[in-house]
Protein backbone atom coordinates (compact mmCIF):
# COMPACT_ATOMS: atom_id res chain seq x y z
CA MET A 1 0.00 0.00 0.00
CA ASP A 2 1.36 3.40 -0.98
CA MET A 3 1.15 6.17 1.56
CA TRP A 4 1.21 9.82 0.54
CA TRP A 5 1.77 12.56 3.03
CA GLY A 6 1.13 16.15 2.09
CA THR A 7 0.56 19.52 3.61
CA ALA A 8 -1.12 19.78 7.00
CA ILE A 9 -3.14 22.91 7.71
CA GLU A 10 -4.54 23.80 11.12
CA ALA A 11 -7.96 25.41 11.07
CA PRO A 12 -10.69 26.27 13.55
CA ASP A 13 -13.09 24.13 11.46
CA PRO A 14 -11.14 21.37 9.66
CA SER A 15 -14.29 19.89 8.09
CA ALA A 16 -15.22 23.20 6.45
CA LEU A 17 -11.68 23.67 5.15
CA ALA A 18 -11.60 20.10 3.81
CA ALA A 19 -14.96 20.65 2.11
CA PHE A 20 -13.60 23.81 0.47
CA TYR A 21 -10.50 22.07 -0.89
CA SER A 22 -12.49 18.98 -1.84
CA LYS A 23 -14.76 21.11 -4.01
CA LEU A 24 -11.89 23.26 -5.35
CA LEU A 25 -9.75 20.28 -6.38
CA ASP A 26 -12.60 17.86 -7.12
CA TRP A 27 -10.98 15.38 -4.71
CA PRO A 28 -12.93 13.32 -2.18
CA ILE A 29 -12.78 13.74 1.57
CA GLY A 30 -10.96 10.56 2.55
CA HIS A 31 -11.39 10.70 6.32
CA GLU A 32 -13.27 12.90 8.74
CA GLU A 33 -13.78 12.88 12.50
CA PRO A 34 -14.13 15.64 15.09
CA GLY A 35 -11.11 17.93 14.79
CA THR A 36 -9.62 16.18 11.73
CA ALA A 37 -10.41 15.97 8.04
CA ILE A 38 -8.32 14.62 5.16
CA VAL A 39 -8.76 15.41 1.48
CA ALA A 40 -7.68 12.34 -0.48
CA ALA A 41 -5.59 12.77 -3.61
CA PRO A 42 -6.93 10.70 -6.49
CA SER A 43 -5.12 7.46 -7.31
CA THR A 44 -2.72 7.54 -10.22
CA SER A 45 -1.79 4.66 -12.48
CA ARG A 46 1.86 3.75 -12.92
C-alpha cells in the first residue's frame, strides 16, 4: 500500500476547510472525525 503525506493545515473548522479544498480540487474527503479531516488525492496509475 502506498502512503502519501502532504501539507497539514490547522484550522478552527477542519471539516469546512476540507470541504472547500475537496470542491476546489474535485478530490474526495478521505477521512473525517471531530477535529480532523483529510482530502484524499486521487489514485494515479503507474
